[in-house]
Amino acid sequence: MMDTTSNQGTYQRLFRIKALHLEYISPEDQLSLVDHYISYCQMGLSYQKAEAQDFVTNPIKQQSVSTFYSATALDLMNLVTQQWQLELAWAQRLRQHLIAAQALHNAGEQPHGENEHVH
């Protein structure tokens, strides 16, 4: 579950399965795993943006392909960028959900009477 180095080609798909089973590992490991995935998404997004920028600004790449190829490639690069943005946003929401769930759990563990109001 905590392996973040194997199967890099399928890491996104594997993480989605792991996300469904986070409740079976410690809260610290939950956050560690999700934080790692957030970093993974940020790197993927940064890489994709850099590739698109290089494609647009590199005259050799522009001159060696047709107009159709260039337009389609840019459209595809934009699609992949949007996918990374969505994946990152989902991972960040998952992190927020974990933190909220841990806060509720910790609040429930307080000794009896600490949360009660005196009337």
Protein backbone atom coordinates (compact mmCIF):
# COMPACT_ATOMS: atom_id res chain seq x y z
CA MET A 1 0.00 0.00 0.00
CA MET A 2 2.81 2.41 0.85
CA ASP A 3 4.91 1.52 -2.19
CA THR A 4 5.25 4.66 -4.30
CA THR A 5 8.15 3.62 -6.54
CA SER A 6 6.99 0.46 -8.31
CA ASN A 7 4.71 0.50 -11.34
CA GLN A 8 5.26 4.15 -12.27
CA GLY A 9 3.50 3.59 -15.59
CA THR A 10 0.28 2.68 -13.81
CA TYR A 11 0.68 4.78 -10.67
CA GLN A 12 -2.44 6.86 -11.31
CA ARG A 13 -4.64 3.78 -11.66
CA LEU A 14 -3.05 2.11 -8.64
CA PHE A 15 -3.43 5.21 -6.49
CA ARG A 16 -7.15 5.35 -7.23
CA ILE A 17 -7.47 1.82 -5.86
CA LYS A 18 -5.34 2.75 -2.85
CA ALA A 19 -7.52 5.82 -2.22
CA LEU A 20 -10.54 3.56 -1.75
CA HIS A 21 -8.68 1.65 0.97
CA LEU A 22 -6.95 4.46 2.87
CA GLU A 23 -9.02 3.72 5.96
CA TYR A 24 -6.96 0.57 6.52
CA ILE A 25 -3.69 2.42 7.15
CA SER A 26 -2.71 4.87 9.87
CA PRO A 27 -3.70 8.54 9.57
CA GLU A 28 -0.04 9.47 9.21
CA ASP A 29 0.43 7.01 6.36
CA GLN A 30 -2.79 8.21 4.73
CA LEU A 31 -1.50 11.77 4.57
CA SER A 32 1.95 10.65 3.51
CA LEU A 33 0.56 8.63 0.62
CA VAL A 34 -1.80 11.40 -0.51
CA ASP A 35 0.91 14.07 -0.17
CA HIS A 36 3.19 11.95 -2.34
CA TYR A 37 0.46 11.61 -4.95
CA ILE A 38 -0.17 15.37 -4.90
CA SER A 39 3.53 15.91 -5.61
CA TYR A 40 3.35 13.31 -8.38
CA CYS A 41 0.43 15.19 -9.97
CA GLN A 42 2.20 18.54 -9.63
CA MET A 43 5.27 17.11 -11.37
CA GLY A 44 3.12 15.61 -14.14
CA LEU A 45 1.35 18.92 -14.65
CA SER A 46 4.59 20.88 -14.67
CA TYR A 47 6.17 18.46 -17.14
CA GLN A 48 3.18 18.60 -19.47
CA LYS A 49 3.14 22.40 -19.46
CA ALA A 50 6.87 22.50 -20.19
CA GLU A 51 6.47 20.06 -23.08
CA ALA A 52 3.66 22.13 -24.60
CA GLN A 53 5.68 25.33 -24.21
CA ASP A 54 8.69 23.71 -25.86
CA PHE A 55 6.56 22.45 -28.72
CA VAL A 56 5.14 25.93 -29.35
CA THR A 57 8.42 27.83 -29.05
CA ASN A 58 10.82 25.39 -30.72
CA PRO A 59 11.03 26.40 -34.39
CA ILE A 60 12.54 23.06 -35.41
CA LYS A 61 9.53 21.21 -34.00
CA GLN A 62 7.11 23.58 -35.70
CA GLN A 63 8.86 23.41 -39.09
CA SER A 64 9.13 19.63 -39.14
CA VAL A 65 5.39 18.93 -38.83
CA SER A 66 2.24 19.82 -40.74
CA THR A 67 -0.22 22.45 -39.56
CA PHE A 68 -2.77 19.72 -38.83
CA TYR A 69 -0.24 17.74 -36.78
CA SER A 70 0.77 20.84 -34.83
CA ALA A 71 -2.82 21.84 -34.04
CA THR A 72 -3.78 18.30 -33.03
CA ALA A 73 -0.67 17.87 -30.90
CA LEU A 74 -1.34 21.14 -29.07
CA ASP A 75 -4.96 20.18 -28.52
CA LEU A 76 -3.87 16.82 -27.11
CA MET A 77 -1.28 18.49 -24.88
CA ASN A 78 -3.99 20.82 -23.56
CA LEU A 79 -6.22 17.81 -22.88
CA VAL A 80 -3.48 16.08 -20.90
CA THR A 81 -2.81 19.30 -18.97
CA GLN A 82 -6.50 19.51 -18.05
CA GLN A 83 -6.46 15.88 -16.95
CA TRP A 84 -3.47 16.54 -14.67
CA GLN A 85 -5.22 19.60 -13.24
CA LEU A 86 -8.34 17.55 -12.48
CA GLU A 87 -6.30 14.74 -10.93
CA LEU A 88 -4.41 17.24 -8.76
CA ALA A 89 -7.64 18.93 -7.63
CA TRP A 90 -9.13 15.54 -6.73
CA ALA A 91 -6.04 14.57 -4.72
CA GLN A 92 -6.16 17.89 -2.86
CA ARG A 93 -9.85 17.33 -2.04
CA LEU A 94 -9.00 13.84 -0.82
CA ARG A 95 -6.34 15.33 1.46
CA GLN A 96 -8.82 17.85 2.85
CA HIS A 97 -11.33 15.07 3.45
CA LEU A 98 -8.70 13.03 5.34
CA ILE A 99 -7.76 16.00 7.52
CA ALA A 100 -11.42 16.72 8.31
CA ALA A 101 -12.08 13.05 9.13
CA GLN A 102 -9.02 12.93 11.38
CA ALA A 103 -10.14 16.10 13.17
CA LEU A 104 -13.58 14.59 13.78
CA HIS A 105 -12.02 11.38 15.00
CA ASN A 106 -9.67 13.25 17.35
CA ALA A 107 -12.53 15.36 18.68
CA GLY A 108 -14.44 12.18 19.46
CA GLU A 109 -11.50 10.81 21.42
CA GLN A 110 -11.46 13.63 23.95
CA PRO A 111 -12.32 12.59 27.50
CA HIS A 112 -16.02 12.69 28.31
CA GLY A 113 -17.23 16.12 29.26
CA GLU A 114 -14.62 18.28 27.55
CA ASN A 115 -16.98 19.22 24.71
CA GLU A 116 -20.08 19.64 26.81
CA HIS A 117 -21.44 23.09 27.54
CA VAL A 118 -22.27 24.06 31.09
CA HIS A 119 -25.87 25.31 31.39
